[in-house]
Protein backbone atom coordinates (compact mmCIF):
# COMPACT_ATOMS: atom_id res chain seq x y z
CA UNK A 1 86.37 -28.69 31.20
CA UNK A 2 89.96 -27.90 32.04
CA UNK A 3 91.03 -27.84 35.65
CA UNK A 4 93.69 -25.32 36.68
CA UNK A 5 95.54 -26.06 39.89
CA UNK A 6 98.05 -23.53 41.15
CA UNK A 7 100.61 -25.07 43.45
CA UNK A 8 103.37 -23.36 45.46
CA UNK A 9 106.87 -23.46 44.02
CA UNK A 10 109.22 -24.73 46.71
CA UNK A 11 112.82 -25.68 47.11
CA UNK A 12 113.09 -29.12 48.65
CA UNK A 13 113.06 -28.30 52.34
CA UNK A 14 112.38 -24.54 52.07
CA UNK A 15 110.06 -22.02 50.37
CA UNK A 16 111.52 -20.30 47.30
CA UNK A 17 109.48 -17.16 46.79
CA UNK A 18 105.77 -16.76 46.15
CA UNK A 19 105.40 -17.84 42.54
CA UNK A 20 102.81 -20.38 41.44
CA UNK A 21 103.33 -23.24 39.01
CA UNK A 22 100.21 -24.11 36.98
CA UNK A 23 99.20 -27.75 36.70
CA UNK A 24 96.36 -27.85 34.19
CA UNK A 25 94.11 -30.71 33.22
CA UNK A 26 94.18 -30.93 29.42
CA UNK A 27 92.07 -34.03 28.91
CA UNK A 28 91.63 -37.61 30.00
CA UNK A 29 92.67 -41.04 28.79
CA UNK A 30 90.12 -41.97 26.14
CA UNK A 31 91.02 -45.66 25.83
CA UNK A 32 89.23 -47.54 28.60
CA UNK A 33 91.79 -50.36 28.34
CA UNK A 34 94.53 -47.98 29.50
CA UNK A 35 93.29 -48.22 33.07
CA UNK A 36 96.54 -48.58 35.03
CA UNK A 37 98.86 -46.16 33.27
CA UNK A 38 102.22 -46.69 34.94
CA UNK A 39 104.54 -45.14 32.37
CA UNK A 40 104.43 -42.22 29.95
CA UNK A 41 106.92 -41.03 27.31
CA UNK A 42 107.02 -38.42 24.59
CA UNK A 43 107.41 -39.56 21.02
CA UNK A 44 110.69 -38.50 19.42
CA UNK A 45 109.10 -38.95 15.96
CA UNK A 46 105.72 -37.21 16.30
CA UNK A 47 105.63 -34.03 18.40
CA UNK A 48 101.89 -34.46 19.11
CA UNK A 49 102.14 -38.06 20.34
CA UNK A 50 102.69 -39.64 23.74
CA UNK A 51 103.14 -43.32 24.54
CA UNK A 52 101.81 -45.07 27.64
CA UNK A 53 101.83 -48.53 29.23
CA UNK A 54 99.72 -50.43 31.74
CA UNK A 55 101.45 -52.01 34.72
CA UNK A 56 99.99 -55.44 33.93
CA UNK A 57 98.14 -57.28 31.20
CA UNK A 58 99.17 -57.59 27.56
CA UNK A 59 102.62 -56.32 26.50
CA UNK A 60 101.19 -53.30 24.69
CA UNK A 61 102.18 -49.73 23.89
CA UNK A 62 99.31 -47.24 23.79
CA UNK A 63 99.57 -44.16 21.59
CA UNK A 64 97.72 -41.04 22.71
CA UNK A 65 97.52 -37.36 21.97
CA UNK A 66 98.71 -34.83 24.53
CA UNK A 67 95.10 -34.47 25.65
CA UNK A 68 94.65 -38.23 26.08
CA UNK A 69 92.85 -39.09 22.83
CA UNK A 70 93.42 -42.68 21.72
CA UNK A 71 95.84 -42.92 18.77
CA UNK A 72 96.43 -46.65 18.52
CA UNK A 73 97.92 -49.65 20.27
CA UNK A 74 101.01 -51.68 19.37
CA UNK A 75 101.87 -55.12 20.72
CA UNK A 76 105.52 -55.87 21.54
CA UNK A 77 106.63 -59.26 20.21
CA UNK A 78 108.54 -61.61 22.52
CA UNK A 79 107.86 -59.53 25.62
CA UNK A 80 105.82 -60.22 28.73
CA UNK A 81 104.29 -57.86 31.27
CA UNK A 82 105.05 -59.04 34.77
CA UNK A 83 105.02 -55.55 36.29
CA UNK A 84 105.66 -52.75 33.81
CA UNK A 85 106.34 -49.56 35.73
CA UNK A 86 107.93 -46.91 33.51
CA UNK A 87 108.53 -45.97 29.89
CA UNK A 88 111.31 -43.86 28.34
CA UNK A 89 111.96 -42.48 24.86
CA UNK A 90 115.43 -41.92 23.45
CA UNK A 91 117.43 -41.62 20.22
CA UNK A 92 120.39 -43.88 19.61
CA UNK A 93 122.55 -44.15 16.46
CA UNK A 94 120.09 -41.95 14.59
CA UNK A 95 117.03 -44.05 15.45
CA UNK A 96 114.16 -43.51 17.88
CA UNK A 97 113.51 -46.08 20.60
CA UNK A 98 111.20 -46.76 23.53
CA UNK A 99 112.37 -48.60 26.64
CA UNK A 100 109.79 -50.44 28.74
CA UNK A 101 110.80 -51.01 32.35
CA UNK A 102 109.47 -54.32 33.69
CA UNK A 103 110.99 -53.52 37.08
CA UNK A 104 108.13 -53.64 39.56
CA UNK A 105 108.69 -56.06 42.43
CA UNK A 106 106.33 -55.34 45.32
CA UNK A 107 107.48 -58.34 47.34
CA UNK A 108 111.18 -58.00 46.40
CA UNK A 109 111.32 -61.58 45.13
CA UNK A 110 112.27 -61.39 41.44
CA UNK A 111 115.73 -62.89 40.69
CA UNK A 112 116.11 -60.40 37.84
CA UNK A 113 114.09 -57.69 36.09
CA UNK A 114 113.98 -56.64 32.45
CA UNK A 115 114.12 -53.65 30.15
CA UNK A 116 112.49 -54.18 26.75
CA UNK A 117 113.71 -51.88 23.98
CA UNK A 118 111.88 -51.40 20.68
CA UNK A 119 112.31 -49.10 17.72
CA UNK A 120 109.56 -46.52 18.12
CA UNK A 121 106.66 -47.70 15.96
CA UNK A 122 104.03 -45.70 14.18
CA UNK A 123 100.85 -45.41 16.20
CA UNK A 124 98.98 -47.16 13.35
CA UNK A 125 101.16 -50.29 13.53
CA UNK A 126 99.81 -53.47 15.12
CA UNK A 127 103.02 -54.93 16.48
CA UNK A 128 106.71 -54.18 16.84
CA UNK A 129 109.65 -56.60 17.35
CA UNK A 130 112.12 -56.33 20.19
CA UNK A 131 115.30 -54.47 19.27
CA UNK A 132 117.08 -55.78 22.37
CA UNK A 133 116.44 -56.45 26.03
CA UNK A 134 118.48 -56.02 29.18
CA UNK A 135 118.05 -58.44 32.08
CA UNK A 136 119.61 -57.21 35.29
CA UNK A 137 119.68 -57.74 39.01
CA UNK A 138 120.70 -55.52 41.88
CA UNK A 139 123.97 -55.95 43.78
CA UNK A 140 122.18 -55.96 47.15
CA UNK A 141 119.22 -58.21 46.42
CA UNK A 142 115.81 -57.66 44.77
CA UNK A 143 114.37 -54.18 44.81
CA UNK A 144 111.02 -52.66 43.89
CA UNK A 145 111.38 -49.80 41.40
CA UNK A 146 109.08 -47.72 39.20
CA UNK A 147 111.42 -45.08 37.75
CA UNK A 148 113.52 -45.28 34.58
CA UNK A 149 115.45 -42.67 32.58
CA UNK A 150 117.96 -42.95 29.74
CA UNK A 151 121.35 -41.27 29.34
CA UNK A 152 122.42 -42.04 25.78
CA UNK A 153 125.57 -39.88 25.96
CA UNK A 154 126.79 -41.77 29.01
CA UNK A 155 125.54 -45.13 27.75
CA UNK A 156 123.32 -46.02 30.71
CA UNK A 157 119.80 -46.66 31.86
CA UNK A 158 119.14 -45.18 35.31
CA UNK A 159 116.75 -46.82 37.77
CA UNK A 160 115.52 -45.27 41.01
CA UNK A 161 114.31 -47.64 43.72
CA UNK A 162 110.92 -47.06 45.32
CA UNK A 163 110.79 -48.55 48.83
CA UNK A 164 114.31 -47.81 50.06
CA UNK A 165 114.64 -44.83 52.42
CA UNK A 166 116.26 -42.89 50.91
CA UNK A 167 115.70 -44.05 47.34
CA UNK A 168 118.76 -45.55 45.64
CA UNK A 169 119.97 -44.69 42.12
CA UNK A 170 121.29 -47.57 39.99
CA UNK A 171 122.69 -47.79 36.46
CA UNK A 172 122.81 -50.57 33.88
CA UNK A 173 124.52 -50.43 30.47
CA UNK A 174 122.49 -49.23 27.52
CA UNK A 175 123.89 -52.02 25.31
CA UNK A 176 125.46 -54.83 27.34
CA UNK A 177 128.00 -56.92 25.48
CA UNK A 178 126.02 -60.16 25.83
CA UNK A 179 122.56 -61.47 26.61
CA UNK A 180 123.55 -62.53 30.10
CA UNK A 181 121.99 -60.96 33.18
CA UNK A 182 124.03 -57.95 34.26
CA UNK A 183 124.49 -56.56 37.74
CA UNK A 184 123.32 -52.97 38.19
CA UNK A 185 125.76 -50.48 39.66
CA UNK A 186 124.65 -48.72 42.83
CA UNK A 187 125.49 -45.03 42.39
CA UNK A 188 123.93 -42.82 45.04
CA UNK A 189 121.40 -42.41 47.84
CA UNK A 190 118.89 -39.79 46.71
CA UNK A 191 118.34 -38.06 50.04
CA UNK A 192 117.62 -34.85 48.11
CA UNK A 193 114.02 -36.07 47.85
CA UNK A 194 111.92 -35.39 50.96
CA UNK A 195 112.41 -38.11 53.55
CA UNK A 196 109.57 -39.39 55.75
CA UNK A 197 109.41 -38.72 59.43
CA UNK A 198 108.92 -41.56 61.87
CA UNK A 199 105.29 -40.55 62.22
CA UNK A 200 104.76 -40.53 58.44
CA UNK A 201 106.19 -44.03 58.16
CA UNK A 202 103.96 -45.27 60.97
CA UNK A 203 100.89 -43.76 59.26
CA UNK A 204 101.86 -44.56 55.67
CA UNK A 205 98.59 -46.40 54.95
CA UNK A 206 96.75 -43.11 55.50
CA UNK A 207 99.33 -40.68 54.10
CA UNK A 208 99.88 -42.66 50.91
CA UNK A 209 103.70 -42.91 50.99
CA UNK A 210 104.28 -39.40 49.51
CA UNK A 211 108.07 -39.87 49.54
CA UNK A 212 108.12 -42.91 47.22
CA UNK A 213 109.32 -42.30 43.61
CA UNK A 214 106.94 -43.56 40.93
CA UNK A 215 108.53 -42.19 37.71
CA UNK A 216 111.55 -40.32 36.36
CA UNK A 217 112.44 -38.60 33.09
CA UNK A 218 115.44 -36.70 31.73
CA UNK A 219 115.02 -33.69 29.44
CA UNK A 220 116.14 -34.27 25.86
CA UNK A 221 118.99 -31.77 26.21
CA UNK A 222 120.35 -33.58 29.29
CA UNK A 223 120.15 -30.44 31.42
CA UNK A 224 117.36 -31.37 33.83
CA UNK A 225 115.41 -34.27 35.30
CA UNK A 226 112.00 -34.76 36.83
CA UNK A 227 111.28 -37.27 39.58
CA UNK A 228 107.65 -37.99 40.40
CA UNK A 229 106.60 -39.22 43.83
CA UNK A 230 103.17 -39.79 45.30
CA UNK A 231 103.50 -36.37 46.91
CA UNK A 232 105.09 -34.12 44.31
CA UNK A 233 107.24 -33.51 41.25
CA UNK A 234 110.91 -32.68 41.78
CA UNK A 235 112.92 -30.74 39.22
CA UNK A 236 116.69 -31.27 39.25
CA UNK A 237 118.99 -29.00 37.26
CA UNK A 238 122.18 -30.46 35.83
CA UNK A 239 125.29 -28.37 35.20
CA UNK A 240 127.53 -28.88 32.18
CA UNK A 241 130.18 -30.74 34.16
CA UNK A 242 127.83 -32.68 36.43
CA UNK A 243 127.07 -36.37 36.29
CA UNK A 244 123.49 -37.50 36.77
CA UNK A 245 124.22 -38.84 40.28
CA UNK A 246 125.66 -35.43 41.21
CA UNK A 247 122.64 -33.64 39.78
CA UNK A 248 120.11 -35.92 41.48
CA UNK A 249 121.76 -35.54 44.87
CA UNK A 250 121.68 -31.74 44.57
CA UNK A 251 118.94 -29.27 45.43
CA UNK A 252 115.55 -29.98 43.90
CA UNK A 253 112.71 -27.63 43.06
CA UNK A 254 109.47 -29.08 44.42
CA UNK A 255 106.13 -28.81 42.62
CA UNK A 256 103.32 -29.88 44.94
CA UNK A 257 100.60 -32.05 43.38
CA UNK A 258 97.87 -30.76 45.65
CA UNK A 259 94.78 -32.95 45.34
CA UNK A 260 96.19 -35.14 42.56
CA UNK A 261 96.46 -38.67 43.95
CA UNK A 262 98.16 -41.88 42.77
CA UNK A 263 100.34 -40.14 40.17
CA UNK A 264 102.40 -42.86 38.49
CA UNK A 265 103.53 -41.56 35.10
CA UNK A 266 105.30 -38.44 33.83
CA UNK A 267 107.00 -37.35 30.60
CA UNK A 268 108.98 -34.20 29.79
CA UNK A 269 108.24 -32.59 26.42
CA UNK A 270 110.89 -32.23 23.72
CA UNK A 271 111.84 -28.71 24.86
CA UNK A 272 112.05 -29.40 28.59
CA UNK A 273 109.51 -26.63 29.21
CA UNK A 274 106.47 -28.75 30.05
CA UNK A 275 105.63 -32.18 31.39
CA UNK A 276 102.60 -34.44 31.11
CA UNK A 277 101.32 -36.49 34.01
CA UNK A 278 98.60 -39.07 34.57
CA UNK A 279 97.38 -41.48 37.25
CA UNK A 280 96.33 -45.11 37.48
CA UNK A 281 92.61 -45.44 36.81
CA UNK A 282 90.21 -45.80 33.90
CA UNK A 283 89.74 -42.58 31.92
CA UNK A 284 92.34 -40.94 34.15
CA UNK A 285 92.91 -37.19 33.85
CA UNK A 286 95.92 -35.96 31.88
CA UNK A 287 97.70 -32.94 33.35
CA UNK A 288 100.17 -30.52 31.79
CA UNK A 289 102.78 -28.97 34.08
CA UNK A 290 104.31 -25.65 33.02
CA UNK A 291 108.06 -25.78 33.73
CA UNK A 292 108.87 -22.21 32.68
CA UNK A 293 109.47 -21.05 36.26
CA UNK A 294 111.56 -24.14 36.97
CA UNK A 295 113.61 -23.37 33.86
CA UNK A 296 114.20 -19.80 35.05
CA UNK A 297 115.27 -21.12 38.45
CA UNK A 298 117.70 -23.37 36.59
CA UNK A 299 119.14 -20.44 34.60
CA UNK A 300 119.46 -18.23 37.69
CA UNK A 301 121.42 -20.93 39.48
CA UNK A 302 123.52 -22.17 36.55
CA UNK A 303 126.75 -20.60 37.80
CA UNK A 304 126.58 -22.65 40.99
CA UNK A 305 126.05 -25.83 38.98
CA UNK A 306 129.23 -25.56 36.93
């Protein structure tokens, strides 16, 4: 059975008309071992394939169809899973890659965190070697983060912190010149995401921290980004002359998640017209989000973004 949830389309902070954005359940995660899906990415090789990761356990990539059917599992050599929190797909020098973000740090104690990069494997492969890895630390001490996106044209990985209020955007080089630990660059405070009131912060155990970012993805054409929080999905349009920090500190279109709880993973499709979302639990539902209305909002506002 497919569940159709219509949620109001809002501008961050104000209502933007009366349109509805459909969030539709298209399946569930078939593999029972994929029980804490913390990252999701589209394949840049197979249009019908998604990749997912668990936030702990074996260093494994899980292949799945867009309805959640199991398509294989691939172990990553020479990697460990301390707290994997996001997954990103990108193309670099004519090859397809996946970047695994081992960046979770609930207690803010890790001296450095790691990005593991592999050439995208086939879903029928058993293991894949590391292509490279990036160890980095933050300039202002350890941070918990769950959101990673890749800007190949600019040559950076972008990381969005989770527990800071507001969330902080950082960047690390895509290909550092050495294997030494690099220091991330702090770029911007993302106050464009909804900020909690004093009452919300005091009652966070009950409200579920709806302001905290849990995933991020950039569209393949570099013209938009999605940020997932426990409370919603936020669509950011990017003008031709804008940097990513400028785009992510601009106005966001808000897609309410309604009754969907504990959303931790999101991936934009290859056309930027849909996204896939899942949560952390065994046989979790897989949702498809129609971004057509968000795309039209983008087009209608493009002049102001130049």
